[in-house]
N, C-alpha and C. Protein backbone atom coordinates (compact mmCIF):
# COMPACT_ATOMS: atom_id res chain seq x y z
N UNK A 1 18.77 -24.89 1.44
CA UNK A 1 18.93 -23.59 2.03
C UNK A 1 20.21 -23.59 2.85
N UNK A 2 20.93 -22.48 2.78
CA UNK A 2 22.19 -22.39 3.51
C UNK A 2 21.93 -22.28 5.01
N UNK A 3 22.87 -22.84 5.78
CA UNK A 3 22.74 -22.85 7.24
C UNK A 3 22.60 -21.44 7.80
N UNK A 4 23.36 -20.48 7.27
CA UNK A 4 23.29 -19.13 7.82
C UNK A 4 21.92 -18.48 7.59
N UNK A 5 21.24 -18.87 6.51
CA UNK A 5 19.87 -18.36 6.28
C UNK A 5 18.92 -18.99 7.30
N UNK A 6 19.06 -20.28 7.53
CA UNK A 6 18.23 -20.95 8.54
C UNK A 6 18.51 -20.37 9.92
N UNK A 7 19.78 -20.12 10.24
CA UNK A 7 20.13 -19.52 11.54
C UNK A 7 19.50 -18.13 11.69
N UNK A 8 19.51 -17.35 10.63
CA UNK A 8 18.98 -15.99 10.66
C UNK A 8 17.46 -15.96 10.74
N UNK A 9 16.81 -16.80 9.92
CA UNK A 9 15.35 -16.71 9.76
C UNK A 9 14.57 -17.79 10.50
N UNK A 10 15.21 -18.92 10.78
CA UNK A 10 14.50 -20.05 11.35
C UNK A 10 13.76 -20.87 10.30
N UNK A 11 13.89 -20.48 9.02
CA UNK A 11 13.22 -21.19 7.93
C UNK A 11 14.15 -22.30 7.44
N UNK A 12 13.62 -23.51 7.33
CA UNK A 12 14.41 -24.67 6.91
C UNK A 12 14.05 -25.10 5.50
N UNK A 13 14.86 -25.99 4.93
CA UNK A 13 14.55 -26.56 3.61
C UNK A 13 13.20 -27.27 3.63
N UNK A 14 12.89 -27.95 4.73
CA UNK A 14 11.60 -28.63 4.84
C UNK A 14 10.45 -27.64 4.76
N UNK A 15 10.60 -26.48 5.40
CA UNK A 15 9.55 -25.45 5.34
C UNK A 15 9.31 -25.02 3.90
N UNK A 16 10.38 -24.81 3.17
CA UNK A 16 10.27 -24.32 1.80
C UNK A 16 9.72 -25.40 0.87
N UNK A 17 10.25 -26.61 0.96
CA UNK A 17 9.81 -27.66 0.04
C UNK A 17 8.40 -28.15 0.36
N UNK A 18 8.01 -28.08 1.62
CA UNK A 18 6.69 -28.55 2.01
C UNK A 18 5.59 -27.61 1.52
N UNK A 19 5.84 -26.32 1.58
CA UNK A 19 4.81 -25.34 1.27
C UNK A 19 5.12 -24.49 0.03
N UNK A 20 6.27 -24.70 -0.58
CA UNK A 20 6.69 -23.82 -1.66
C UNK A 20 6.26 -24.26 -3.04
N UNK A 21 6.21 -23.29 -3.93
CA UNK A 21 5.89 -23.54 -5.34
C UNK A 21 7.18 -23.79 -6.11
N UNK A 22 7.05 -24.27 -7.32
CA UNK A 22 8.19 -24.42 -8.22
C UNK A 22 8.85 -23.04 -8.37
N UNK A 23 10.18 -22.99 -8.31
CA UNK A 23 10.89 -21.71 -8.31
C UNK A 23 10.63 -20.89 -9.57
N UNK A 24 10.67 -21.51 -10.73
CA UNK A 24 10.44 -20.76 -11.97
C UNK A 24 9.02 -20.20 -12.01
N UNK A 25 8.08 -20.99 -11.57
CA UNK A 25 6.68 -20.53 -11.53
C UNK A 25 6.52 -19.38 -10.54
N UNK A 26 7.15 -19.50 -9.38
CA UNK A 26 7.07 -18.46 -8.36
C UNK A 26 7.71 -17.16 -8.86
N UNK A 27 8.83 -17.27 -9.55
CA UNK A 27 9.50 -16.08 -10.09
C UNK A 27 8.65 -15.41 -11.17
N UNK A 28 8.07 -16.21 -12.05
CA UNK A 28 7.16 -15.65 -13.07
C UNK A 28 6.00 -14.93 -12.40
N UNK A 29 5.43 -15.55 -11.38
CA UNK A 29 4.32 -14.93 -10.66
C UNK A 29 4.77 -13.61 -10.02
N UNK A 30 5.96 -13.61 -9.45
CA UNK A 30 6.48 -12.40 -8.82
C UNK A 30 6.60 -11.27 -9.83
N UNK A 31 7.29 -11.54 -10.95
CA UNK A 31 7.51 -10.49 -11.95
C UNK A 31 6.19 -10.04 -12.59
N UNK A 32 5.27 -10.96 -12.79
CA UNK A 32 3.96 -10.58 -13.32
C UNK A 32 3.21 -9.70 -12.33
N UNK A 33 3.34 -10.01 -11.05
CA UNK A 33 2.66 -9.23 -10.02
C UNK A 33 3.23 -7.82 -9.92
N UNK A 34 4.55 -7.67 -9.85
CA UNK A 34 5.14 -6.34 -9.65
C UNK A 34 5.19 -5.53 -10.94
N UNK A 35 5.20 -6.22 -12.08
CA UNK A 35 5.27 -5.49 -13.34
C UNK A 35 6.47 -4.56 -13.36
N UNK A 36 6.23 -3.31 -13.74
CA UNK A 36 7.32 -2.33 -13.79
C UNK A 36 7.20 -1.29 -12.68
N UNK A 37 6.43 -1.63 -11.64
CA UNK A 37 6.26 -0.68 -10.54
C UNK A 37 7.57 -0.52 -9.76
N UNK A 38 7.65 0.59 -9.08
CA UNK A 38 8.81 0.85 -8.24
C UNK A 38 8.74 -0.07 -7.02
N UNK A 39 9.86 -0.68 -6.67
CA UNK A 39 9.92 -1.59 -5.53
C UNK A 39 10.53 -0.86 -4.34
N UNK A 40 9.96 -1.10 -3.17
CA UNK A 40 10.45 -0.48 -1.95
C UNK A 40 10.77 -1.60 -0.97
N UNK A 41 11.95 -1.55 -0.37
CA UNK A 41 12.31 -2.59 0.59
C UNK A 41 13.43 -2.15 1.50
N UNK A 42 13.62 -2.91 2.54
CA UNK A 42 14.67 -2.63 3.52
C UNK A 42 15.92 -3.40 3.11
N UNK A 43 16.96 -2.66 2.73
CA UNK A 43 18.17 -3.26 2.15
C UNK A 43 17.78 -4.05 0.90
N UNK A 44 17.00 -3.42 0.06
CA UNK A 44 16.38 -4.08 -1.08
C UNK A 44 17.40 -4.68 -2.05
N UNK A 45 18.57 -4.09 -2.15
CA UNK A 45 19.57 -4.65 -3.08
C UNK A 45 19.93 -6.08 -2.71
N UNK A 46 19.92 -6.40 -1.42
CA UNK A 46 20.21 -7.75 -0.95
C UNK A 46 19.16 -8.72 -1.49
N UNK A 47 17.89 -8.38 -1.28
CA UNK A 47 16.79 -9.26 -1.70
C UNK A 47 16.66 -9.34 -3.21
N UNK A 48 16.72 -8.19 -3.86
CA UNK A 48 16.49 -8.18 -5.31
C UNK A 48 17.61 -8.90 -6.06
N UNK A 49 18.82 -8.91 -5.49
CA UNK A 49 19.91 -9.63 -6.15
C UNK A 49 19.63 -11.13 -6.17
N UNK A 50 19.06 -11.68 -5.09
CA UNK A 50 18.68 -13.09 -5.07
C UNK A 50 17.60 -13.38 -6.10
N UNK A 51 16.60 -12.50 -6.15
CA UNK A 51 15.48 -12.70 -7.08
C UNK A 51 15.97 -12.60 -8.52
N UNK A 52 16.80 -11.62 -8.82
CA UNK A 52 17.31 -11.47 -10.20
C UNK A 52 18.21 -12.64 -10.58
N UNK A 53 19.11 -13.05 -9.68
CA UNK A 53 20.00 -14.19 -9.99
C UNK A 53 19.20 -15.46 -10.21
N UNK A 54 18.21 -15.71 -9.36
CA UNK A 54 17.37 -16.90 -9.52
C UNK A 54 16.58 -16.82 -10.82
N UNK A 55 16.15 -15.63 -11.19
CA UNK A 55 15.42 -15.45 -12.45
C UNK A 55 16.31 -15.78 -13.64
N UNK A 56 17.53 -15.32 -13.61
CA UNK A 56 18.48 -15.61 -14.69
C UNK A 56 18.73 -17.12 -14.77
N UNK A 57 18.99 -17.74 -13.62
CA UNK A 57 19.23 -19.19 -13.59
C UNK A 57 18.06 -20.00 -14.12
N UNK A 58 16.85 -19.49 -13.91
CA UNK A 58 15.64 -20.21 -14.31
C UNK A 58 15.03 -19.68 -15.61
N UNK A 59 15.81 -18.81 -16.30
CA UNK A 59 15.40 -18.26 -17.60
C UNK A 59 14.04 -17.56 -17.53
N UNK A 60 13.87 -16.77 -16.47
CA UNK A 60 12.65 -15.99 -16.26
C UNK A 60 12.98 -14.53 -16.57
N UNK A 61 12.12 -13.89 -17.36
CA UNK A 61 12.35 -12.50 -17.76
C UNK A 61 12.30 -11.58 -16.55
N UNK A 62 13.29 -10.68 -16.48
CA UNK A 62 13.42 -9.73 -15.38
C UNK A 62 12.88 -8.38 -15.83
N UNK A 63 12.14 -7.72 -14.94
CA UNK A 63 11.65 -6.37 -15.21
C UNK A 63 12.68 -5.34 -14.74
N UNK A 64 12.78 -4.21 -15.43
CA UNK A 64 13.74 -3.16 -15.02
C UNK A 64 13.12 -2.20 -13.99
N UNK A 65 12.89 -2.69 -12.80
CA UNK A 65 12.25 -1.88 -11.77
C UNK A 65 13.22 -0.94 -11.08
N UNK A 66 12.75 0.27 -10.80
CA UNK A 66 13.49 1.17 -9.93
C UNK A 66 13.21 0.72 -8.50
N UNK A 67 14.18 0.96 -7.62
CA UNK A 67 14.04 0.52 -6.23
C UNK A 67 14.32 1.66 -5.26
N UNK A 68 13.58 1.67 -4.16
CA UNK A 68 13.83 2.59 -3.06
C UNK A 68 14.30 1.75 -1.88
N UNK A 69 15.45 2.12 -1.33
CA UNK A 69 16.01 1.37 -0.20
C UNK A 69 15.72 2.11 1.11
N UNK A 70 14.86 1.53 1.93
CA UNK A 70 14.48 2.13 3.20
C UNK A 70 15.68 2.18 4.15
N UNK A 71 16.59 1.20 4.06
CA UNK A 71 17.79 1.20 4.90
C UNK A 71 18.62 2.46 4.62
N UNK A 72 18.81 2.80 3.35
CA UNK A 72 19.58 4.00 3.00
C UNK A 72 18.90 5.26 3.56
N UNK A 73 17.57 5.28 3.49
CA UNK A 73 16.82 6.41 4.06
C UNK A 73 17.05 6.50 5.57
N UNK A 74 17.00 5.35 6.24
CA UNK A 74 17.18 5.32 7.70
C UNK A 74 18.56 5.82 8.08
N UNK A 75 19.56 5.42 7.33
CA UNK A 75 20.93 5.86 7.65
C UNK A 75 21.09 7.37 7.52
N UNK A 76 20.33 7.98 6.60
CA UNK A 76 20.40 9.43 6.42
C UNK A 76 19.60 10.18 7.48
N UNK A 77 18.50 9.60 7.94
CA UNK A 77 17.56 10.33 8.78
C UNK A 77 17.58 9.97 10.27
N UNK A 78 18.22 8.86 10.62
CA UNK A 78 18.20 8.40 12.01
C UNK A 78 19.63 8.31 12.54
N UNK A 79 19.81 8.83 13.74
CA UNK A 79 21.10 8.69 14.41
C UNK A 79 20.84 8.16 15.82
N UNK A 80 21.90 7.78 16.49
CA UNK A 80 21.77 7.33 17.87
C UNK A 80 21.31 5.89 18.02
N UNK A 81 21.59 5.06 17.01
CA UNK A 81 21.26 3.64 17.12
C UNK A 81 22.56 2.83 17.02
N UNK A 82 22.56 1.65 17.62
CA UNK A 82 23.76 0.79 17.60
C UNK A 82 23.99 0.18 16.23
N UNK A 83 22.89 -0.07 15.50
CA UNK A 83 22.99 -0.64 14.16
C UNK A 83 21.72 -0.24 13.41
N UNK A 84 21.66 -0.62 12.17
CA UNK A 84 20.51 -0.27 11.34
C UNK A 84 19.72 -1.50 10.91
N UNK A 85 19.71 -2.52 11.77
CA UNK A 85 18.86 -3.68 11.51
C UNK A 85 17.41 -3.23 11.52
N UNK A 86 16.57 -3.95 10.80
CA UNK A 86 15.15 -3.62 10.71
C UNK A 86 14.53 -3.45 12.09
N UNK A 87 14.78 -4.40 12.97
CA UNK A 87 14.18 -4.36 14.30
C UNK A 87 14.68 -3.15 15.10
N UNK A 88 15.96 -2.84 15.00
CA UNK A 88 16.54 -1.71 15.73
C UNK A 88 15.91 -0.39 15.28
N UNK A 89 15.82 -0.21 13.98
CA UNK A 89 15.23 1.02 13.43
C UNK A 89 13.76 1.11 13.80
N UNK A 90 13.06 -0.01 13.71
CA UNK A 90 11.64 -0.03 14.08
C UNK A 90 11.46 0.38 15.54
N UNK A 91 12.28 -0.17 16.41
CA UNK A 91 12.18 0.17 17.83
C UNK A 91 12.47 1.66 18.06
N UNK A 92 13.45 2.20 17.36
CA UNK A 92 13.78 3.62 17.48
C UNK A 92 12.58 4.48 17.08
N UNK A 93 11.82 4.02 16.08
CA UNK A 93 10.64 4.76 15.60
C UNK A 93 9.36 4.35 16.32
N UNK A 94 9.50 3.52 17.36
CA UNK A 94 8.36 3.04 18.17
C UNK A 94 7.34 2.27 17.34
N UNK A 95 7.87 1.37 16.51
CA UNK A 95 7.06 0.48 15.69
C UNK A 95 7.20 -0.92 16.25
N UNK A 96 6.08 -1.61 16.43
CA UNK A 96 6.11 -2.99 16.94
C UNK A 96 6.85 -3.88 15.94
N UNK A 97 7.94 -4.47 16.38
CA UNK A 97 8.75 -5.34 15.51
C UNK A 97 9.17 -6.58 16.27
N UNK A 98 8.22 -7.18 16.97
CA UNK A 98 8.52 -8.33 17.81
C UNK A 98 9.06 -9.51 17.00
N UNK A 99 8.40 -9.85 15.91
CA UNK A 99 8.83 -11.01 15.11
C UNK A 99 9.27 -10.54 13.72
N UNK A 100 10.57 -10.70 13.44
CA UNK A 100 11.09 -10.34 12.12
C UNK A 100 11.48 -11.61 11.38
N UNK A 101 11.86 -11.44 10.14
CA UNK A 101 12.26 -12.52 9.23
C UNK A 101 11.09 -13.42 8.85
N UNK A 102 9.91 -12.83 8.79
CA UNK A 102 8.73 -13.47 8.23
C UNK A 102 8.16 -12.45 7.26
N UNK A 103 7.94 -12.86 6.03
CA UNK A 103 7.65 -11.94 4.94
C UNK A 103 6.56 -10.92 5.25
N UNK A 104 5.42 -11.38 5.67
CA UNK A 104 4.30 -10.46 5.87
C UNK A 104 4.61 -9.44 6.97
N UNK A 105 5.17 -9.90 8.06
CA UNK A 105 5.48 -8.99 9.16
C UNK A 105 6.61 -8.03 8.78
N UNK A 106 7.64 -8.53 8.09
CA UNK A 106 8.73 -7.66 7.66
C UNK A 106 8.22 -6.59 6.69
N UNK A 107 7.29 -6.94 5.82
CA UNK A 107 6.71 -5.96 4.90
C UNK A 107 5.96 -4.88 5.67
N UNK A 108 5.20 -5.28 6.66
CA UNK A 108 4.46 -4.31 7.47
C UNK A 108 5.44 -3.38 8.20
N UNK A 109 6.46 -3.95 8.80
CA UNK A 109 7.44 -3.16 9.55
C UNK A 109 8.16 -2.19 8.60
N UNK A 110 8.62 -2.70 7.45
CA UNK A 110 9.33 -1.86 6.49
C UNK A 110 8.43 -0.72 6.01
N UNK A 111 7.17 -1.02 5.72
CA UNK A 111 6.24 0.03 5.28
C UNK A 111 6.06 1.09 6.36
N UNK A 112 5.90 0.67 7.60
CA UNK A 112 5.72 1.64 8.69
C UNK A 112 6.98 2.49 8.87
N UNK A 113 8.16 1.89 8.73
CA UNK A 113 9.40 2.66 8.81
C UNK A 113 9.44 3.67 7.66
N UNK A 114 9.13 3.21 6.46
CA UNK A 114 9.12 4.08 5.27
C UNK A 114 8.17 5.26 5.49
N UNK A 115 6.98 4.96 5.98
CA UNK A 115 5.98 6.02 6.22
C UNK A 115 6.49 7.03 7.23
N UNK A 116 7.06 6.54 8.33
CA UNK A 116 7.56 7.46 9.38
C UNK A 116 8.77 8.27 8.90
N UNK A 117 9.64 7.64 8.11
CA UNK A 117 10.80 8.38 7.61
C UNK A 117 10.39 9.48 6.65
N UNK A 118 9.30 9.28 5.95
CA UNK A 118 8.81 10.31 5.03
C UNK A 118 8.08 11.43 5.74
N UNK A 119 7.77 11.24 7.01
CA UNK A 119 7.16 12.31 7.83
C UNK A 119 8.24 13.28 8.31
N UNK A 120 9.49 12.81 8.38
CA UNK A 120 10.59 13.63 8.94
C UNK A 120 11.05 14.67 7.95
């Protein structure tokens, strides 16, 4: 894992190798799980590019999913923030975002942001 990823998330190579599955198997499981459903994420192009590139490298079939980017929605609907980081936008919308960069919590925060942005 690159140092900048560890600096950003606090996740180390030891964390991944100790608890992680084989990458090809994990990618197959991911694509089987999502199928052809629409994917929603915060700055989703960043994440999906890693998943697609890893899938290509590991010869795993990629699904042609449409994506909704919550970050793009936030930029259109929210003003008066210093930046559009997940935590900043969550705080602006009064969503608890104490711990970010952990998958389950980030998913919850992103979903709550998505829900609130669709109320506007």
